[in-house]
Amino acid sequence: MPQNVEGYSVQTMASLRPVKSFPLNTPESIVTNIDFSDNGSLALATMNDETMQVYNCTSGTKESLLKSMKYGCALGRFTHNDKFCIYASTKGNDDIRYLSIEEHKFVRYFSGHKNIVTSLEQNPANGIVISCALDRTVRLWDIRSPNSVGKIAVPSPSFATFDPMGVVFGVASQNERTIAMYDARNFDRAPFIRSSAHHIEGSWQKLEFSNDSKLMSVSSDGSVHGLFDAMDGKSRGIVTGFKPLKRALPSTSPTAFTPDGKFLVGGSNDNRLCVWDMSHASDGDFNSVIVPTHETQVEIKPALVSFSPRTFLMASGDSQFDLWLPVTYE
């Protein structure tokens, strides 16, 4: 189904359309998180109905339906081995669970958080996982061990992620309106960069690095999303021109960078998909405003978006799950 392309352009981004739609389990079901396997062949959608669905992106079909009725589920992620996933519990306790997709059996639990997990990401270079929770902690885990290998006290809610090389991680604190950057090898030390982000209003939803290591984005349910320099943490402007999307925690972002970092894509509450050109990001102008380069009107709002890391394929989710392709490559 997906096609390899050499790069992303304004023209190909403008031609993105939903080409395969999947209804969810019930009329009340909502997608709360989307993740792709490392090779882009599979997508994992987490739903608010205590299930996760694996989709085959090559054939455009459903694969495993994973049920977690006892513990609930949020923030589902493939590990580097796409036969396994991790996800956060939403009831019973606040453990992170490591699941064999093929056997539908737990490998282990990661216990330590004492409140709702708000963020869950894997280091792109190894088996370290980073999580944030409303218990005011960031924890690091080795996928091979049930015990956390590190803990940082932070205001909550917070969101954390690794840079593309896995050597730095950022922590975005909504209450402090700051972004702190840590050396992943010396995380017990103070952050080497702390940036102010008071201009990003509303409830924050996600922190993301672009794959070219140039930018970070902080998405929110306010009227703007923020852009920051991934090297020095300085503001690179704001993106606007969308209708805010209100999402309850734990859920993830309405925005995503394309894999080459050239564009930021995001949903809008009036059923538009907005595309922002990152070449318009400033070199430090706090007040720089980036408006959509292109907008696509669709039937079901793309409340969450995510890109395949290997092919020109985008997924979106809300009351259904959609796979998108540029129509010129369909």
Protein backbone atom coordinates (compact mmCIF):
# COMPACT_ATOMS: atom_id res chain seq x y z
CA MET A 1 0.00 0.00 0.00
CA PRO A 2 2.57 2.70 0.96
CA GLN A 3 5.15 3.93 -1.52
CA ASN A 4 8.74 5.00 -0.99
CA VAL A 5 9.46 8.58 -2.00
CA GLU A 6 12.67 10.55 -2.14
CA GLY A 7 11.37 13.51 -0.19
CA TYR A 8 8.46 15.61 0.91
CA SER A 9 7.39 18.69 -1.03
CA VAL A 10 4.56 21.20 -0.81
CA GLN A 11 2.97 19.45 -3.79
CA THR A 12 3.06 15.96 -2.30
CA MET A 13 1.89 17.21 1.08
CA ALA A 14 -1.04 18.95 -0.62
CA SER A 15 -1.96 15.69 -2.34
CA LEU A 16 -2.27 13.67 0.90
CA ARG A 17 -5.69 12.05 1.13
CA PRO A 18 -7.24 9.32 3.31
CA VAL A 19 -7.24 6.20 1.11
CA LYS A 20 -8.23 3.54 3.64
CA SER A 21 -10.63 3.98 6.56
CA PHE A 22 -11.32 1.56 9.38
CA PRO A 23 -14.37 1.79 11.65
CA LEU A 24 -13.69 1.30 15.35
CA ASN A 25 -15.19 -1.26 17.70
CA THR A 26 -18.19 0.80 18.86
CA PRO A 27 -19.77 4.16 17.95
CA GLU A 28 -18.32 5.53 21.22
CA SER A 29 -14.75 4.35 20.53
CA ILE A 30 -12.08 7.02 20.03
CA VAL A 31 -8.43 6.65 18.99
CA THR A 32 -6.19 8.09 21.72
CA ASN A 33 -2.73 7.18 20.39
CA ILE A 34 -1.04 6.05 17.15
CA ASP A 35 2.37 4.46 16.73
CA PHE A 36 4.30 2.82 13.86
CA SER A 37 6.75 -0.06 14.00
CA ASP A 38 10.38 0.80 13.26
CA ASN A 39 10.12 -0.41 9.65
CA GLY A 40 6.74 1.24 9.10
CA SER A 41 4.99 -1.99 8.14
CA LEU A 42 2.62 -1.96 11.12
CA ALA A 43 0.58 0.66 12.94
CA LEU A 44 -0.79 0.40 16.48
CA ALA A 45 -3.88 2.38 17.48
CA THR A 46 -4.85 2.67 21.15
CA MET A 47 -8.54 3.24 21.84
CA ASN A 48 -10.54 4.53 24.80
CA ASP A 49 -12.51 1.26 24.85
CA GLU A 50 -9.61 -0.64 26.48
CA THR A 51 -8.38 -2.15 23.23
CA MET A 52 -5.45 -1.71 20.86
CA GLN A 53 -5.62 -2.57 17.15
CA VAL A 54 -2.65 -3.59 14.99
CA TYR A 55 -2.93 -2.62 11.31
CA ASN A 56 -0.86 -4.03 8.44
CA CYS A 57 0.22 -0.98 6.46
CA THR A 58 1.43 -3.03 3.48
CA SER A 59 -1.86 -4.78 2.83
CA GLY A 60 -4.10 -2.14 4.40
CA THR A 61 -5.79 -4.66 6.69
CA LYS A 62 -6.46 -5.24 10.36
CA GLU A 63 -4.31 -7.72 12.25
CA SER A 64 -4.35 -8.40 16.00
CA LEU A 65 -6.98 -6.89 18.30
CA LEU A 66 -5.46 -6.58 21.77
CA LYS A 67 -7.86 -6.35 24.70
CA SER A 68 -6.91 -4.96 28.11
CA MET A 69 -10.25 -4.88 29.89
CA LYS A 70 -8.77 -5.54 33.33
CA TYR A 71 -6.15 -2.78 33.27
CA GLY A 72 -7.29 -0.42 30.52
CA CYS A 73 -4.74 0.92 28.05
CA ALA A 74 -3.20 4.17 26.86
CA LEU A 75 -0.14 5.35 24.92
CA GLY A 76 0.50 2.01 23.18
CA ARG A 77 3.96 1.75 21.55
CA PHE A 78 5.77 -0.93 19.60
CA THR A 79 9.13 -1.91 21.00
CA HIS A 80 12.00 -2.19 18.52
CA ASN A 81 10.73 -5.74 17.98
CA ASP A 82 7.27 -5.25 16.47
CA LYS A 83 6.03 -8.51 17.96
CA PHE A 84 5.89 -6.71 21.31
CA CYS A 85 4.37 -3.48 22.61
CA ILE A 86 4.30 -1.42 25.79
CA TYR A 87 1.39 0.60 27.12
CA ALA A 88 0.18 2.41 30.23
CA SER A 89 -2.54 1.10 32.51
CA THR A 90 -5.61 3.29 33.05
CA LYS A 91 -7.23 1.41 35.93
CA GLY A 92 -6.27 -0.91 38.77
CA ASN A 93 -2.81 0.65 39.05
CA ASP A 94 -0.44 2.85 37.06
CA ASP A 95 1.94 0.17 35.81
CA ILE A 96 3.42 0.17 32.32
CA ARG A 97 2.85 -3.20 30.67
CA TYR A 98 5.09 -5.10 28.24
CA LEU A 99 3.00 -7.38 26.02
CA SER A 100 3.70 -10.13 23.48
CA ILE A 101 1.36 -9.30 20.60
CA GLU A 102 1.46 -12.81 19.12
CA GLU A 103 0.89 -14.67 22.39
CA HIS A 104 -1.30 -12.03 24.07
CA LYS A 105 0.77 -12.54 27.23
CA PHE A 106 2.60 -10.07 29.45
CA VAL A 107 6.39 -10.26 29.44
CA ARG A 108 6.71 -8.04 32.52
CA TYR A 109 5.32 -4.99 34.30
CA PHE A 110 7.12 -1.73 35.01
CA SER A 111 5.92 -0.60 38.43
CA GLY A 112 6.72 2.71 40.10
CA HIS A 113 4.36 5.44 38.94
CA LYS A 114 1.64 6.37 41.43
CA ASN A 115 -0.69 8.33 39.16
CA ILE A 116 -1.81 8.53 35.52
CA VAL A 117 1.00 8.09 32.99
CA THR A 118 0.93 11.04 30.58
CA SER A 119 3.84 10.23 28.28
CA LEU A 120 5.56 7.04 27.09
CA GLU A 121 8.38 6.91 24.53
CA GLN A 122 11.20 4.55 23.57
CA ASN A 123 14.79 5.58 22.92
CA PRO A 124 15.31 5.19 19.14
CA ALA A 125 18.81 3.79 19.68
CA ASN A 126 18.28 1.20 22.42
CA GLY A 127 15.83 -0.44 24.83
CA ILE A 128 15.46 2.46 27.25
CA VAL A 129 11.92 3.77 27.77
CA ILE A 130 11.00 7.15 29.26
CA SER A 131 7.69 7.89 30.96
CA CYS A 132 6.02 10.81 32.75
CA ALA A 133 3.09 10.69 35.14
CA LEU A 134 0.88 12.91 37.25
CA ASP A 135 2.86 11.71 40.28
CA ARG A 136 5.37 14.43 39.34
CA THR A 137 8.08 12.07 38.16
CA VAL A 138 9.89 11.18 34.97
CA ARG A 139 11.14 7.60 35.00
CA LEU A 140 13.57 5.74 32.77
CA TRP A 141 13.28 1.99 32.28
CA ASP A 142 15.38 -0.70 30.64
CA ILE A 143 12.97 -2.91 28.68
CA ARG A 144 14.81 -5.95 30.09
CA SER A 145 14.17 -5.11 33.76
CA PRO A 146 11.00 -4.38 35.77
CA ASN A 147 12.70 -1.72 37.90
CA SER A 148 13.23 1.87 36.81
CA VAL A 149 16.84 2.81 36.14
CA GLY A 150 16.32 6.49 36.85
CA LYS A 151 13.85 8.99 38.28
CA ILE A 152 13.59 12.77 38.03
CA ALA A 153 11.19 14.94 40.04
CA VAL A 154 9.25 17.37 37.83
CA PRO A 155 6.08 19.47 38.02
CA SER A 156 3.14 17.78 36.35
CA PRO A 157 1.67 17.25 33.89
CA SER A 158 4.85 16.72 31.91
CA PHE A 159 5.79 15.09 28.62
CA ALA A 160 9.14 13.62 27.61
CA THR A 161 10.81 12.30 24.48
CA PHE A 162 14.23 11.44 23.09
CA ASP A 163 16.07 13.19 20.29
CA PRO A 164 16.55 11.13 17.07
CA MET A 165 20.01 9.92 18.16
CA GLY A 166 18.84 8.88 21.62
CA VAL A 167 21.54 10.87 23.43
CA VAL A 168 19.33 13.71 24.72
CA PHE A 169 15.83 13.75 26.11
CA GLY A 170 13.53 16.70 26.62
CA VAL A 171 10.94 17.21 29.34
CA ALA A 172 8.13 19.71 28.76
CA SER A 173 6.45 20.95 31.95
CA GLN A 174 3.01 22.43 31.44
CA ASN A 175 2.78 23.99 34.91
CA GLU A 176 6.20 25.65 34.70
CA ARG A 177 5.82 26.42 30.96
CA THR A 178 9.37 25.22 30.39
CA ILE A 179 11.30 22.74 28.28
CA ALA A 180 14.32 21.12 29.92
CA MET A 181 16.91 19.10 28.01
CA TYR A 182 18.98 16.36 29.67
CA ASP A 183 21.97 14.26 28.70
CA ALA A 184 20.50 10.74 28.51
CA ARG A 185 23.78 9.27 29.79
CA ASN A 186 23.91 11.60 32.81
CA PHE A 187 20.25 12.21 33.53
CA ASP A 188 20.87 12.59 37.26
CA ARG A 189 22.55 15.92 36.56
CA ALA A 190 20.69 19.19 36.09
CA PRO A 191 19.34 19.90 32.59
CA PHE A 192 21.90 21.56 30.34
CA ILE A 193 19.19 23.71 28.73
CA ARG A 194 15.99 25.10 30.23
CA SER A 195 13.80 27.20 27.94
CA SER A 196 10.75 29.31 28.68
CA ALA A 197 7.57 28.50 26.76
CA HIS A 198 5.06 30.82 28.45
CA HIS A 199 3.64 31.81 25.07
CA ILE A 200 2.23 28.29 24.54
CA GLU A 201 -1.14 28.53 26.25
CA GLY A 202 -3.72 25.89 27.11
CA SER A 203 -3.10 22.29 28.11
CA TRP A 204 0.02 20.81 26.58
CA GLN A 205 -0.26 17.52 24.73
CA LYS A 206 3.12 16.36 23.42
CA LEU A 207 6.81 17.18 22.96
CA GLU A 208 8.44 15.99 19.71
CA PHE A 209 11.86 16.30 18.06
CA SER A 210 12.08 16.51 14.28
CA ASN A 211 14.08 13.67 12.71
CA ASP A 212 16.62 16.10 11.26
CA SER A 213 17.41 17.19 14.85
CA LYS A 214 16.72 20.84 14.06
CA LEU A 215 13.42 21.53 15.81
CA MET A 216 11.19 20.59 18.72
CA SER A 217 7.44 21.10 18.81
CA VAL A 218 5.16 21.55 21.80
CA SER A 219 1.55 20.93 20.86
CA SER A 220 -1.33 22.23 22.93
CA ASP A 221 -5.10 22.50 22.94
CA GLY A 222 -4.76 26.28 22.78
CA SER A 223 -4.68 28.44 19.67
CA VAL A 224 -0.98 27.86 18.86
CA HIS A 225 1.66 25.13 18.86
CA GLY A 226 5.25 26.10 19.66
CA LEU A 227 8.50 25.52 17.78
CA PHE A 228 11.92 25.52 19.44
CA ASP A 229 15.49 25.05 18.32
CA ALA A 230 16.56 21.50 19.20
CA MET A 231 20.15 22.62 19.82
CA ASP A 232 19.78 25.68 22.06
CA GLY A 233 16.09 25.60 23.04
CA LYS A 234 15.32 29.07 21.69
CA SER A 235 11.90 29.86 20.28
CA ARG A 236 11.60 29.42 16.52
CA GLY A 237 8.07 30.79 16.37
CA ILE A 238 4.52 29.51 16.64
CA VAL A 239 2.19 27.72 14.25
CA THR A 240 -1.40 28.82 14.05
CA GLY A 241 -4.43 28.76 11.74
CA PHE A 242 -6.22 25.76 13.27
CA LYS A 243 -9.22 25.23 15.54
CA PRO A 244 -8.03 23.83 18.90
CA LEU A 245 -8.68 20.18 19.72
CA LYS A 246 -9.51 19.35 23.33
CA ARG A 247 -8.32 15.86 24.34
CA ALA A 248 -8.41 14.27 27.79
CA LEU A 249 -5.18 12.79 29.20
CA PRO A 250 -3.65 10.40 28.52
CA SER A 251 -3.82 11.10 24.80
CA THR A 252 -1.31 12.30 22.27
CA SER A 253 -0.73 15.09 19.87
CA PRO A 254 -2.72 16.45 16.94
CA THR A 255 0.63 17.32 15.32
CA ALA A 256 3.55 15.38 13.83
CA PHE A 257 6.69 16.19 11.88
CA THR A 258 7.21 14.53 8.53
CA PRO A 259 10.13 12.06 8.75
CA ASP A 260 12.47 14.51 6.98
CA GLY A 261 11.50 17.36 9.33
CA LYS A 262 10.48 19.66 6.48
CA PHE A 263 6.83 19.96 7.50
CA LEU A 264 4.66 19.89 10.59
CA VAL A 265 1.19 18.44 10.07
CA GLY A 266 -1.74 18.84 12.43
CA GLY A 267 -5.46 18.34 12.81
CA SER A 268 -8.07 21.03 13.34
CA ASN A 269 -11.42 20.79 15.10
CA ASP A 270 -13.22 21.92 11.94
CA ASN A 271 -12.12 18.75 10.09
CA ARG A 272 -9.06 20.24 8.38
CA LEU A 273 -5.59 18.79 8.05
CA CYS A 274 -3.11 21.67 8.22
CA VAL A 275 0.42 21.58 6.77
CA TRP A 276 3.08 24.02 8.00
CA ASP A 277 6.35 24.51 6.12
CA MET A 278 9.27 24.39 8.57
CA SER A 279 11.48 26.43 6.25
CA HIS A 280 9.42 29.37 7.55
CA ALA A 281 10.60 28.78 11.12
CA SER A 282 12.55 31.82 12.28
CA ASP A 283 16.13 32.02 13.53
CA GLY A 284 15.02 33.15 16.97
CA ASP A 285 12.11 35.55 16.44
CA PHE A 286 9.87 34.86 19.42
CA ASN A 287 6.90 36.44 17.60
CA SER A 288 7.31 34.63 14.28
CA VAL A 289 3.93 33.24 13.17
CA ILE A 290 3.72 30.34 10.71
CA VAL A 291 0.38 29.85 8.96
CA PRO A 292 -0.65 26.73 7.04
CA THR A 293 0.96 26.25 3.65
CA HIS A 294 -1.89 23.92 2.74
CA GLU A 295 -5.19 22.77 4.24
CA THR A 296 -7.22 19.68 3.33
CA GLN A 297 -10.88 19.38 4.33
CA VAL A 298 -11.95 15.86 5.31
CA GLU A 299 -15.10 14.18 6.60
CA ILE A 300 -13.68 12.92 9.92
CA LYS A 301 -11.36 15.26 11.78
CA PRO A 302 -7.74 14.07 12.04
CA ALA A 303 -7.54 14.56 15.80
CA LEU A 304 -4.29 12.54 16.02
CA VAL A 305 -1.68 12.19 13.29
CA SER A 306 1.49 10.12 12.89
CA PHE A 307 3.88 9.36 10.03
CA SER A 308 5.42 6.06 9.04
CA PRO A 309 9.20 6.33 9.57
CA ARG A 310 10.07 4.51 6.33
CA THR A 311 7.41 5.23 3.70
CA PHE A 312 5.20 8.12 2.64
CA LEU A 313 2.23 7.04 4.72
CA MET A 314 0.34 8.99 7.36
CA ALA A 315 -2.19 7.72 9.87
CA SER A 316 -4.89 9.74 11.60
CA GLY A 317 -7.43 8.84 14.21
CA ASP A 318 -10.52 10.00 16.02
CA SER A 319 -13.85 8.18 15.62
CA GLN A 320 -12.21 6.07 12.92
CA PHE A 321 -8.67 5.13 11.88
CA ASP A 322 -7.44 6.41 8.50
CA LEU A 323 -4.36 5.74 6.37
CA TRP A 324 -3.28 8.55 4.05
CA LEU A 325 -1.21 8.58 0.86
CA PRO A 326 -0.30 11.28 -1.65
CA VAL A 327 -2.79 10.71 -4.47
CA THR A 328 -0.05 10.92 -7.10
CA TYR A 329 1.51 7.79 -5.52
CA GLU A 330 -1.71 5.94 -4.70
